[in-house]
Amino acid sequence: MSQARSSGCPECDGRLSADGGETVCTNCGLVVAENRIDPGPE
């Protein structure tokens, strides 16, 4: 699995944008990281 680099997207070196719990590349649309909390029962 790819790790996000601070310099940019691991696929195209585009700019990363953190929005709504996801880190996505503004150039190619790759979802680099997802930080959603599951509110469902355990």
C-alpha atoms as a PDB file:
ATOM      1  CA  MET A   1       0.000   0.000   0.000  1.00  0.00           C
ATOM      2  CA  SER A   2       1.258   3.510  -0.815  1.00  0.00           C
ATOM      3  CA  GLN A   3       2.171   5.951   1.912  1.00  0.00           C
ATOM      4  CA  ALA A   4       1.467   9.677   1.559  1.00  0.00           C
ATOM      5  CA  ARG A   5       4.576  11.808   1.213  1.00  0.00           C
ATOM      6  CA  SER A   6       4.664  15.394   2.403  1.00  0.00           C
ATOM      7  CA  SER A   7       5.863  16.486  -1.056  1.00  0.00           C
ATOM      8  CA  GLY A   8       2.801  15.230  -2.902  1.00  0.00           C
ATOM      9  CA  CYS A   9       0.820  12.410  -4.450  1.00  0.00           C
ATOM     10  CA  PRO A  10       2.602   9.029  -4.612  1.00  0.00           C
ATOM     11  CA  GLU A  11       1.195   8.419  -8.113  1.00  0.00           C
ATOM     12  CA  CYS A  12       1.601  11.732  -9.968  1.00  0.00           C
ATOM     13  CA  ASP A  13       3.408  14.070  -7.508  1.00  0.00           C
ATOM     14  CA  GLY A  14       0.347  16.366  -7.536  1.00  0.00           C
ATOM     15  CA  ARG A  15      -0.760  18.487  -4.589  1.00  0.00           C
ATOM     16  CA  LEU A  16      -2.577  16.762  -1.705  1.00  0.00           C
ATOM     17  CA  SER A  17      -5.672  18.246  -0.118  1.00  0.00           C
ATOM     18  CA  ALA A  18      -7.168  17.160   3.221  1.00  0.00           C
ATOM     19  CA  ASP A  19     -10.944  17.612   3.099  1.00  0.00           C
ATOM     20  CA  GLY A  20     -13.805  15.912   4.931  1.00  0.00           C
ATOM     21  CA  GLY A  21     -11.695  13.181   6.534  1.00  0.00           C
ATOM     22  CA  GLU A  22      -9.938  12.199   3.291  1.00  0.00           C
ATOM     23  CA  THR A  23      -6.588  13.224   1.840  1.00  0.00           C
ATOM     24  CA  VAL A  24      -6.919  13.343  -1.949  1.00  0.00           C
ATOM     25  CA  CYS A  25      -4.717  14.411  -4.836  1.00  0.00           C
ATOM     26  CA  THR A  26      -6.056  17.543  -6.520  1.00  0.00           C
ATOM     27  CA  ASN A  27      -4.482  16.459  -9.819  1.00  0.00           C
ATOM     28  CA  CYS A  28      -5.452  12.784 -10.323  1.00  0.00           C
ATOM     29  CA  GLY A  29      -8.087  12.294  -7.585  1.00  0.00           C
ATOM     30  CA  LEU A  30      -6.276   9.448  -5.791  1.00  0.00           C
ATOM     31  CA  VAL A  31      -7.501   8.984  -2.204  1.00  0.00           C
ATOM     32  CA  VAL A  32      -4.241   8.776  -0.252  1.00  0.00           C
ATOM     33  CA  ALA A  33      -5.668   8.534   3.281  1.00  0.00           C
ATOM     34  CA  GLU A  34      -9.053   8.107   4.871  1.00  0.00           C
ATOM     35  CA  ASN A  35      -9.784   8.976   8.517  1.00  0.00           C
ATOM     36  CA  ARG A  36     -13.431   8.181   9.028  1.00  0.00           C
ATOM     37  CA  ILE A  37     -14.816   7.011  12.343  1.00  0.00           C
ATOM     38  CA  ASP A  38     -17.368   4.222  12.237  1.00  0.00           C
ATOM     39  CA  PRO A  39     -20.191   5.250  14.614  1.00  0.00           C
ATOM     40  CA  GLY A  40     -21.831   1.811  14.437  1.00  0.00           C
ATOM     41  CA  PRO A  41     -22.120  -0.719  17.261  1.00  0.00           C
ATOM     42  CA  GLU A  42     -19.019  -2.675  18.200  1.00  0.00           C
END
